Amino acid sequence: MIRAGSVGKISHCEYTYWDGSDAPGEEVMGDDSWDDKGRTKISHIYVAFDEVIMSIQFGFLENGALVLSEKYGAFEEGSNFRVLRLNQDEYVTGLSGVLEKDGRGIRNLTFRTNLGEYMIGRSSDNYPSDSTIDIDPAICDRREFGGFFGSYDRYRLTSIGMYLSPITSPDMVVKREYN
């Protein structure tokens, strides 16, 4: 499988979170990573958000039953919560997102499917176009979507990307090149 890009970025460094009060800051380790490679039959996407996307969780159809992933992101829920329900014949074809101005968070996500586009999060009307990251691997067959991966810290989702699982037709020859 191929990692087809990422909205946001993972932080591996330690930093001090300070909320502006007189209290001392809180030491925070780098982000935690998550990986749902191979989990492709998404039926639900659950997103908590406030000014940024705080957490995301997926519902998968496995053997006819709804199975939930772990929740990736903030330990506290945002003031807003949205559920995106996909039809049985609907599958993810792309993803885009707008980064928060400080680069430490995702303002909104747009999930593209074979049946439509769904934006979740805050409006980004006054944001420069270079804060938008678009992942469009031109998926046109359900089998090409390979799942999601990403990272989070204790306050927000910090990145999300998707896997692409190229498929070949019987008349296609695949050549692997090494540098």
C-alpha atoms as a PDB file:
ATOM      1  CA  MET A   1       0.000   0.000   0.000  1.00  0.00           C
ATOM      2  CA  ILE A   2       0.987   3.585  -0.591  1.00  0.00           C
ATOM      3  CA  ARG A   3       0.614   6.446   1.887  1.00  0.00           C
ATOM      4  CA  ALA A   4      -1.196   8.958  -0.320  1.00  0.00           C
ATOM      5  CA  GLY A   5      -0.452  12.072   1.714  1.00  0.00           C
ATOM      6  CA  SER A   6      -1.328  13.699   5.006  1.00  0.00           C
ATOM      7  CA  VAL A   7      -3.343  16.708   6.145  1.00  0.00           C
ATOM      8  CA  GLY A   8      -1.319  18.146   9.023  1.00  0.00           C
ATOM      9  CA  LYS A   9       1.906  16.823  10.451  1.00  0.00           C
ATOM     10  CA  ILE A  10       3.081  14.727  13.348  1.00  0.00           C
ATOM     11  CA  SER A  11       5.207  16.318  16.056  1.00  0.00           C
ATOM     12  CA  HIS A  12       7.981  14.229  17.568  1.00  0.00           C
ATOM     13  CA  CYS A  13       9.268  16.879  19.945  1.00  0.00           C
ATOM     14  CA  GLU A  14       8.399  17.800  23.486  1.00  0.00           C
ATOM     15  CA  TYR A  15       6.829  21.168  24.144  1.00  0.00           C
ATOM     16  CA  THR A  16       5.176  23.075  26.969  1.00  0.00           C
ATOM     17  CA  TYR A  17       1.459  23.779  26.624  1.00  0.00           C
ATOM     18  CA  TRP A  18       0.557  27.052  28.292  1.00  0.00           C
ATOM     19  CA  ASP A  19      -3.048  28.284  28.406  1.00  0.00           C
ATOM     20  CA  GLY A  20      -2.155  31.933  29.123  1.00  0.00           C
ATOM     21  CA  SER A  21      -2.954  31.784  32.841  1.00  0.00           C
ATOM     22  CA  ASP A  22      -0.559  32.294  35.732  1.00  0.00           C
ATOM     23  CA  ALA A  23      -0.337  28.542  36.240  1.00  0.00           C
ATOM     24  CA  PRO A  24       2.824  26.852  34.981  1.00  0.00           C
ATOM     25  CA  GLY A  25       2.706  25.198  31.584  1.00  0.00           C
ATOM     26  CA  GLU A  26       2.216  21.495  31.100  1.00  0.00           C
ATOM     27  CA  GLU A  27       4.972  19.389  29.570  1.00  0.00           C
ATOM     28  CA  VAL A  28       3.679  17.416  26.600  1.00  0.00           C
ATOM     29  CA  MET A  29       5.469  14.634  24.759  1.00  0.00           C
ATOM     30  CA  GLY A  30       5.265  14.237  20.994  1.00  0.00           C
ATOM     31  CA  ASP A  31       2.138  13.119  19.183  1.00  0.00           C
ATOM     32  CA  ASP A  32       0.750   9.594  19.228  1.00  0.00           C
ATOM     33  CA  SER A  33       0.329   7.843  15.879  1.00  0.00           C
ATOM     34  CA  TRP A  34      -2.587   5.684  14.771  1.00  0.00           C
ATOM     35  CA  ASP A  35      -2.989   3.400  11.798  1.00  0.00           C
ATOM     36  CA  ASP A  36      -6.125   1.808  10.353  1.00  0.00           C
ATOM     37  CA  LYS A  37      -4.432   0.331   7.279  1.00  0.00           C
ATOM     38  CA  GLY A  38      -6.615  -2.296   5.641  1.00  0.00           C
ATOM     39  CA  ARG A  39      -9.810  -1.201   7.398  1.00  0.00           C
ATOM     40  CA  THR A  40     -11.684  -0.053   4.333  1.00  0.00           C
ATOM     41  CA  LYS A  41     -15.397  -0.689   4.787  1.00  0.00           C
ATOM     42  CA  ILE A  42     -16.156   2.542   6.597  1.00  0.00           C
ATOM     43  CA  SER A  43     -19.819   3.102   7.420  1.00  0.00           C
ATOM     44  CA  HIS A  44     -19.547   5.978   9.934  1.00  0.00           C
ATOM     45  CA  ILE A  45     -17.096   8.799  10.667  1.00  0.00           C
ATOM     46  CA  TYR A  46     -17.500  10.484  14.072  1.00  0.00           C
ATOM     47  CA  VAL A  47     -15.836  13.896  14.497  1.00  0.00           C
ATOM     48  CA  ALA A  48     -15.655  16.177  17.556  1.00  0.00           C
ATOM     49  CA  PHE A  49     -14.555  19.746  16.838  1.00  0.00           C
ATOM     50  CA  ASP A  50     -14.371  23.202  18.286  1.00  0.00           C
ATOM     51  CA  GLU A  51     -11.930  25.656  16.692  1.00  0.00           C
ATOM     52  CA  VAL A  52     -10.013  22.613  15.408  1.00  0.00           C
ATOM     53  CA  ILE A  53     -10.798  18.945  14.861  1.00  0.00           C
ATOM     54  CA  MET A  54     -10.427  17.493  18.336  1.00  0.00           C
ATOM     55  CA  SER A  55     -11.004  13.798  17.660  1.00  0.00           C
ATOM     56  CA  ILE A  56     -12.058  11.313  15.025  1.00  0.00           C
ATOM     57  CA  GLN A  57     -13.401   7.774  15.230  1.00  0.00           C
ATOM     58  CA  PHE A  58     -14.502   5.356  12.533  1.00  0.00           C
ATOM     59  CA  GLY A  59     -17.233   2.766  12.323  1.00  0.00           C
ATOM     60  CA  PHE A  60     -16.523  -0.234  10.087  1.00  0.00           C
ATOM     61  CA  LEU A  61     -18.783  -2.932   8.748  1.00  0.00           C
ATOM     62  CA  GLU A  62     -17.198  -6.255   9.628  1.00  0.00           C
ATOM     63  CA  ASN A  63     -19.185  -9.470   9.127  1.00  0.00           C
ATOM     64  CA  GLY A  64     -22.395  -7.430   8.987  1.00  0.00           C
ATOM     65  CA  ALA A  65     -21.785  -5.723  12.357  1.00  0.00           C
ATOM     66  CA  LEU A  66     -20.698  -2.182  13.214  1.00  0.00           C
ATOM     67  CA  VAL A  67     -17.219  -2.213  14.816  1.00  0.00           C
ATOM     68  CA  LEU A  68     -15.762   1.017  16.217  1.00  0.00           C
ATOM     69  CA  SER A  69     -12.130   2.052  16.004  1.00  0.00           C
ATOM     70  CA  GLU A  70     -10.415   3.702  18.929  1.00  0.00           C
ATOM     71  CA  LYS A  71     -11.093   7.414  19.306  1.00  0.00           C
ATOM     72  CA  TYR A  72      -8.080   9.337  18.013  1.00  0.00           C
ATOM     73  CA  GLY A  73      -7.576  12.755  19.563  1.00  0.00           C
ATOM     74  CA  ALA A  74      -8.608  14.884  22.506  1.00  0.00           C
ATOM     75  CA  PHE A  75      -9.622  13.305  25.784  1.00  0.00           C
ATOM     76  CA  GLU A  76     -12.320  15.978  26.214  1.00  0.00           C
ATOM     77  CA  GLU A  77     -15.106  16.278  23.674  1.00  0.00           C
ATOM     78  CA  GLY A  78     -15.469  19.384  21.572  1.00  0.00           C
ATOM     79  CA  SER A  79     -18.559  21.528  21.763  1.00  0.00           C
ATOM     80  CA  ASN A  80     -19.610  20.211  18.342  1.00  0.00           C
ATOM     81  CA  PHE A  81     -20.035  16.632  17.173  1.00  0.00           C
ATOM     82  CA  ARG A  82     -20.917  15.346  13.733  1.00  0.00           C
ATOM     83  CA  VAL A  83     -21.578  11.869  12.380  1.00  0.00           C
ATOM     84  CA  LEU A  84     -21.052  11.169   8.698  1.00  0.00           C
ATOM     85  CA  ARG A  85     -22.936   8.039   7.604  1.00  0.00           C
ATOM     86  CA  LEU A  86     -21.872   6.436   4.349  1.00  0.00           C
ATOM     87  CA  ASN A  87     -24.282   4.387   2.239  1.00  0.00           C
ATOM     88  CA  GLN A  88     -23.422   0.724   1.660  1.00  0.00           C
ATOM     89  CA  ASP A  89     -22.372   1.476  -1.935  1.00  0.00           C
ATOM     90  CA  GLU A  90     -20.353   4.560  -0.891  1.00  0.00           C
ATOM     91  CA  TYR A  91     -16.572   4.602  -0.347  1.00  0.00           C
ATOM     92  CA  VAL A  92     -13.841   7.192   0.295  1.00  0.00           C
ATOM     93  CA  THR A  93     -12.089   8.583  -2.780  1.00  0.00           C
ATOM     94  CA  GLY A  94     -10.179  11.560  -1.358  1.00  0.00           C
ATOM     95  CA  LEU A  95      -9.591  13.907   1.543  1.00  0.00           C
ATOM     96  CA  SER A  96      -8.716  17.544   2.056  1.00  0.00           C
ATOM     97  CA  GLY A  97      -8.285  19.758   5.070  1.00  0.00           C
ATOM     98  CA  VAL A  98      -7.448  23.264   6.182  1.00  0.00           C
ATOM     99  CA  LEU A  99      -4.676  23.703   8.741  1.00  0.00           C
ATOM    100  CA  GLU A 100      -5.081  26.042  11.699  1.00  0.00           C
ATOM    101  CA  LYS A 101      -3.094  29.269  11.295  1.00  0.00           C
ATOM    102  CA  ASP A 102      -0.483  28.178  13.864  1.00  0.00           C
ATOM    103  CA  GLY A 103      -0.036  24.844  12.039  1.00  0.00           C
ATOM    104  CA  ARG A 104      -0.907  22.817  15.182  1.00  0.00           C
ATOM    105  CA  GLY A 105      -4.297  21.479  14.290  1.00  0.00           C
ATOM    106  CA  ILE A 106      -6.789  20.949  11.510  1.00  0.00           C
ATOM    107  CA  ARG A 107      -9.601  23.489  11.122  1.00  0.00           C
ATOM    108  CA  ASN A 108     -11.800  21.303   8.935  1.00  0.00           C
ATOM    109  CA  LEU A 109     -11.797  18.109   6.885  1.00  0.00           C
ATOM    110  CA  THR A 110     -13.603  17.334   3.655  1.00  0.00           C
ATOM    111  CA  PHE A 111     -14.176  13.666   2.925  1.00  0.00           C
ATOM    112  CA  ARG A 112     -14.774  12.903  -0.744  1.00  0.00           C
ATOM    113  CA  THR A 113     -16.649   9.759  -1.713  1.00  0.00           C
ATOM    114  CA  ASN A 114     -17.896   8.289  -4.954  1.00  0.00           C
ATOM    115  CA  LEU A 115     -21.281   9.908  -4.123  1.00  0.00           C
ATOM    116  CA  GLY A 116     -20.387  13.353  -2.747  1.00  0.00           C
ATOM    117  CA  GLU A 117     -18.288  15.677  -0.561  1.00  0.00           C
ATOM    118  CA  TYR A 118     -18.764  16.244   3.165  1.00  0.00           C
ATOM    119  CA  MET A 119     -17.047  19.058   5.079  1.00  0.00           C
ATOM    120  CA  ILE A 120     -16.778  18.747   8.870  1.00  0.00           C
ATOM    121  CA  GLY A 121     -15.380  21.462  11.138  1.00  0.00           C
ATOM    122  CA  ARG A 122     -15.150  25.240  11.140  1.00  0.00           C
ATOM    123  CA  SER A 123     -15.402  27.439   8.069  1.00  0.00           C
ATOM    124  CA  SER A 124     -12.132  28.467   6.482  1.00  0.00           C
ATOM    125  CA  ASP A 125     -13.426  31.345   4.334  1.00  0.00           C
ATOM    126  CA  ASN A 126     -10.789  33.807   5.596  1.00  0.00           C
ATOM    127  CA  TYR A 127      -7.871  31.382   5.399  1.00  0.00           C
ATOM    128  CA  PRO A 128      -5.188  31.574   2.710  1.00  0.00           C
ATOM    129  CA  SER A 129      -5.409  28.903   0.040  1.00  0.00           C
ATOM    130  CA  ASP A 130      -1.943  27.585   0.960  1.00  0.00           C
ATOM    131  CA  SER A 131      -3.342  26.328   4.286  1.00  0.00           C
ATOM    132  CA  THR A 132      -5.429  23.744   2.374  1.00  0.00           C
ATOM    133  CA  ILE A 133      -3.974  20.296   1.757  1.00  0.00           C
ATOM    134  CA  ASP A 134      -5.707  18.158  -0.845  1.00  0.00           C
ATOM    135  CA  ILE A 135      -5.257  14.398  -1.212  1.00  0.00           C
ATOM    136  CA  ASP A 136      -6.850  13.253  -4.459  1.00  0.00           C
ATOM    137  CA  PRO A 137      -5.446   9.880  -5.532  1.00  0.00           C
ATOM    138  CA  ALA A 138      -8.148   9.485  -8.237  1.00  0.00           C
ATOM    139  CA  ILE A 139      -9.735   6.439  -6.622  1.00  0.00           C
ATOM    140  CA  CYS A 140     -12.438   5.007  -8.845  1.00  0.00           C
ATOM    141  CA  ASP A 141     -12.761   1.481  -7.419  1.00  0.00           C
ATOM    142  CA  ARG A 142     -13.636   0.626  -3.805  1.00  0.00           C
ATOM    143  CA  ARG A 143     -10.646  -1.752  -3.612  1.00  0.00           C
ATOM    144  CA  GLU A 144      -8.196   1.147  -4.111  1.00  0.00           C
ATOM    145  CA  PHE A 145      -8.990   2.798  -0.759  1.00  0.00           C
ATOM    146  CA  GLY A 146      -6.644   1.272   1.826  1.00  0.00           C
ATOM    147  CA  GLY A 147      -7.646   2.971   5.092  1.00  0.00           C
ATOM    148  CA  PHE A 148      -6.556   5.972   7.168  1.00  0.00           C
ATOM    149  CA  PHE A 149      -3.575   6.864   9.356  1.00  0.00           C
ATOM    150  CA  GLY A 150      -2.689   9.904  11.413  1.00  0.00           C
ATOM    151  CA  SER A 151      -1.573  11.425  14.691  1.00  0.00           C
ATOM    152  CA  TYR A 152      -2.992  13.269  17.672  1.00  0.00           C
ATOM    153  CA  ASP A 153      -1.971  14.884  20.908  1.00  0.00           C
ATOM    154  CA  ARG A 154      -4.063  15.232  24.034  1.00  0.00           C
ATOM    155  CA  TYR A 155      -5.821  18.335  22.685  1.00  0.00           C
ATOM    156  CA  ARG A 156      -6.529  17.645  18.998  1.00  0.00           C
ATOM    157  CA  LEU A 157      -6.114  15.577  15.882  1.00  0.00           C
ATOM    158  CA  THR A 158      -2.792  16.731  14.391  1.00  0.00           C
ATOM    159  CA  SER A 159      -2.749  14.805  11.105  1.00  0.00           C
ATOM    160  CA  ILE A 160      -4.747  12.418   8.953  1.00  0.00           C
ATOM    161  CA  GLY A 161      -3.805  10.711   5.711  1.00  0.00           C
ATOM    162  CA  MET A 162      -4.989   7.831   3.620  1.00  0.00           C
ATOM    163  CA  TYR A 163      -3.641   4.666   2.078  1.00  0.00           C
ATOM    164  CA  LEU A 164      -3.956   3.853  -1.584  1.00  0.00           C
ATOM    165  CA  SER A 165      -4.010   0.223  -2.656  1.00  0.00           C
ATOM    166  CA  PRO A 166      -3.304   0.195  -6.396  1.00  0.00           C
ATOM    167  CA  ILE A 167      -5.089  -2.481  -8.342  1.00  0.00           C
ATOM    168  CA  THR A 168      -4.056  -3.805 -11.693  1.00  0.00           C
ATOM    169  CA  SER A 169      -6.070  -5.016 -14.623  1.00  0.00           C
ATOM    170  CA  PRO A 170      -5.174  -8.348 -16.297  1.00  0.00           C
ATOM    171  CA  ASP A 171      -3.510  -6.572 -19.226  1.00  0.00           C
ATOM    172  CA  MET A 172      -1.368  -4.271 -17.054  1.00  0.00           C
ATOM    173  CA  VAL A 173       2.297  -4.996 -16.427  1.00  0.00           C
ATOM    174  CA  VAL A 174       3.741  -3.701 -13.166  1.00  0.00           C
ATOM    175  CA  LYS A 175       7.422  -2.842 -13.170  1.00  0.00           C
ATOM    176  CA  ARG A 176       9.208  -1.977  -9.964  1.00  0.00           C
ATOM    177  CA  GLU A 177      12.098   0.456 -10.209  1.00  0.00           C
ATOM    178  CA  TYR A 178      14.746   0.909  -7.567  1.00  0.00           C
ATOM    179  CA  ASN A 179      17.131   3.838  -7.255  1.00  0.00           C
END
